[in-house]
C-alpha atoms as a PDB file:
ATOM      1  CA  MET A   1       0.000   0.000   0.000  1.00  0.00           C
ATOM      2  CA  SER A   2       1.413   3.413  -0.922  1.00  0.00           C
ATOM      3  CA  GLU A   3       1.527   6.401   1.403  1.00  0.00           C
ATOM      4  CA  PRO A   4      -1.004   9.166   0.810  1.00  0.00           C
ATOM      5  CA  GLU A   5       0.188  12.417  -0.748  1.00  0.00           C
ATOM      6  CA  PRO A   6       1.269  14.946   1.880  1.00  0.00           C
ATOM      7  CA  GLN A   7      -1.221  17.692   2.602  1.00  0.00           C
ATOM      8  CA  LEU A   8       0.284  21.187   2.411  1.00  0.00           C
ATOM      9  CA  LEU A   9      -0.953  24.115   4.476  1.00  0.00           C
ATOM     10  CA  ASP A  10      -1.229  27.730   3.449  1.00  0.00           C
ATOM     11  CA  LEU A  11      -0.429  29.721   6.567  1.00  0.00           C
ATOM     12  CA  ARG A  12      -0.892  33.436   6.912  1.00  0.00           C
ATOM     13  CA  LEU A  13       2.135  34.937   8.617  1.00  0.00           C
ATOM     14  CA  TRP A  14       3.094  38.587   8.763  1.00  0.00           C
ATOM     15  CA  ASP A  15       6.234  39.175   6.701  1.00  0.00           C
ATOM     16  CA  GLN A  16       7.900  40.874   9.677  1.00  0.00           C
ATOM     17  CA  SER A  17       7.185  37.869  11.891  1.00  0.00           C
ATOM     18  CA  ALA A  18       8.565  35.597   9.178  1.00  0.00           C
ATOM     19  CA  LEU A  19      11.786  37.618   9.074  1.00  0.00           C
ATOM     20  CA  VAL A  20      12.191  37.519  12.870  1.00  0.00           C
ATOM     21  CA  LEU A  21      11.438  33.799  13.024  1.00  0.00           C
ATOM     22  CA  PHE A  22      13.696  32.949  10.089  1.00  0.00           C
ATOM     23  CA  ASP A  23      16.599  34.900  11.577  1.00  0.00           C
ATOM     24  CA  TRP A  24      16.089  33.135  14.891  1.00  0.00           C
ATOM     25  CA  LEU A  25      15.968  29.715  13.227  1.00  0.00           C
ATOM     26  CA  MET A  26      19.125  30.414  11.217  1.00  0.00           C
ATOM     27  CA  THR A  27      21.100  31.634  14.226  1.00  0.00           C
ATOM     28  CA  ARG A  28      20.253  28.835  16.654  1.00  0.00           C
ATOM     29  CA  ASP A  29      22.441  25.850  17.315  1.00  0.00           C
ATOM     30  CA  GLU A  30      20.033  22.994  16.655  1.00  0.00           C
ATOM     31  CA  ASP A  31      21.822  20.844  19.209  1.00  0.00           C
ATOM     32  CA  SER A  32      20.922  23.319  21.961  1.00  0.00           C
ATOM     33  CA  LEU A  33      17.163  23.191  21.280  1.00  0.00           C
ATOM     34  CA  PRO A  34      15.078  20.949  23.551  1.00  0.00           C
ATOM     35  CA  PHE A  35      13.893  18.401  20.965  1.00  0.00           C
ATOM     36  CA  THR A  36      12.165  15.299  22.270  1.00  0.00           C
ATOM     37  CA  HIS A  37      11.754  13.666  18.849  1.00  0.00           C
ATOM     38  CA  PRO A  38      13.740  13.849  15.586  1.00  0.00           C
ATOM     39  CA  ALA A  39      10.580  14.942  13.753  1.00  0.00           C
ATOM     40  CA  GLN A  40      10.624  18.211  15.708  1.00  0.00           C
ATOM     41  CA  LYS A  41      14.065  19.053  14.328  1.00  0.00           C
ATOM     42  CA  GLN A  42      12.940  18.221  10.796  1.00  0.00           C
ATOM     43  CA  ALA A  43       9.728  20.223  11.180  1.00  0.00           C
ATOM     44  CA  LEU A  44      11.749  23.316  12.174  1.00  0.00           C
ATOM     45  CA  ARG A  45      14.001  22.765   9.170  1.00  0.00           C
ATOM     46  CA  ASP A  46      10.909  22.484   6.951  1.00  0.00           C
ATOM     47  CA  LEU A  47       9.565  25.733   8.421  1.00  0.00           C
ATOM     48  CA  ALA A  48      12.849  27.539   7.772  1.00  0.00           C
ATOM     49  CA  THR A  49      12.889  26.283   4.180  1.00  0.00           C
ATOM     50  CA  SER A  50       9.300  27.408   3.621  1.00  0.00           C
ATOM     51  CA  ILE A  51      10.066  30.876   4.966  1.00  0.00           C
ATOM     52  CA  GLU A  52      13.186  31.049   2.793  1.00  0.00           C
ATOM     53  CA  TRP A  53      11.146  30.163  -0.308  1.00  0.00           C
ATOM     54  CA  ALA A  54       8.485  32.732   0.598  1.00  0.00           C
ATOM     55  CA  ARG A  55      10.704  35.702   1.452  1.00  0.00           C
ATOM     56  CA  GLY A  56      14.246  34.816   0.456  1.00  0.00           C
ATOM     57  CA  LEU A  57      17.435  34.796   2.474  1.00  0.00           C
ATOM     58  CA  GLY A  58      18.651  38.357   2.335  1.00  0.00           C
ATOM     59  CA  HIS A  59      18.011  41.022   4.935  1.00  0.00           C
ATOM     60  CA  THR A  60      20.014  43.754   6.571  1.00  0.00           C
ATOM     61  CA  ASP A  61      20.564  44.250  10.277  1.00  0.00           C
ATOM     62  CA  ALA A  62      18.437  47.403  10.035  1.00  0.00           C
ATOM     63  CA  GLU A  63      15.546  45.469   8.438  1.00  0.00           C
ATOM     64  CA  LEU A  64      15.757  42.858  11.182  1.00  0.00           C
ATOM     65  CA  THR A  65      15.792  45.511  13.907  1.00  0.00           C
ATOM     66  CA  VAL A  66      12.691  47.185  12.457  1.00  0.00           C
ATOM     67  CA  ALA A  67      10.931  43.830  12.146  1.00  0.00           C
ATOM     68  CA  GLN A  68      11.780  42.894  15.743  1.00  0.00           C
ATOM     69  CA  GLU A  69      10.462  46.233  17.009  1.00  0.00           C
ATOM     70  CA  GLN A  70       7.258  45.940  14.992  1.00  0.00           C
ATOM     71  CA  VAL A  71       6.587  42.344  15.997  1.00  0.00           C
ATOM     72  CA  ALA A  72       7.251  43.003  19.694  1.00  0.00           C
ATOM     73  CA  ARG A  73       5.324  46.282  19.744  1.00  0.00           C
ATOM     74  CA  ASP A  74       1.954  44.801  20.721  1.00  0.00           C
ATOM     75  CA  MET A  75       3.218  42.281  23.258  1.00  0.00           C
ATOM     76  CA  ALA A  76       2.050  42.420  26.828  1.00  0.00           C
ATOM     77  CA  ASP A  77       4.735  43.773  29.123  1.00  0.00           C
ATOM     78  CA  ASP A  78       4.748  40.477  31.069  1.00  0.00           C
ATOM     79  CA  ASP A  79       5.744  38.618  27.875  1.00  0.00           C
ATOM     80  CA  ARG A  80       8.704  40.885  27.089  1.00  0.00           C
ATOM     81  CA  SER A  81      10.893  39.377  29.782  1.00  0.00           C
ATOM     82  CA  ILE A  82      13.249  36.856  28.195  1.00  0.00           C
END
């Protein structure tokens, strides 16, 4: 019996959030992330690839700073503590 075709999702994600998330994914050491299953690592890699296809790789430090400020702007103060 053959496996069914994978179902793809169309997710709506703000371009600024995509930039912040992509930068974070590209600058993390995968080995330091708290994975409990290999599929989690692959799913993050799939997400990074999808964001790369959607918005491309290039961005400046200034673009990232603006995106971070815009994305964090509406957060509750309690959530800002890292």
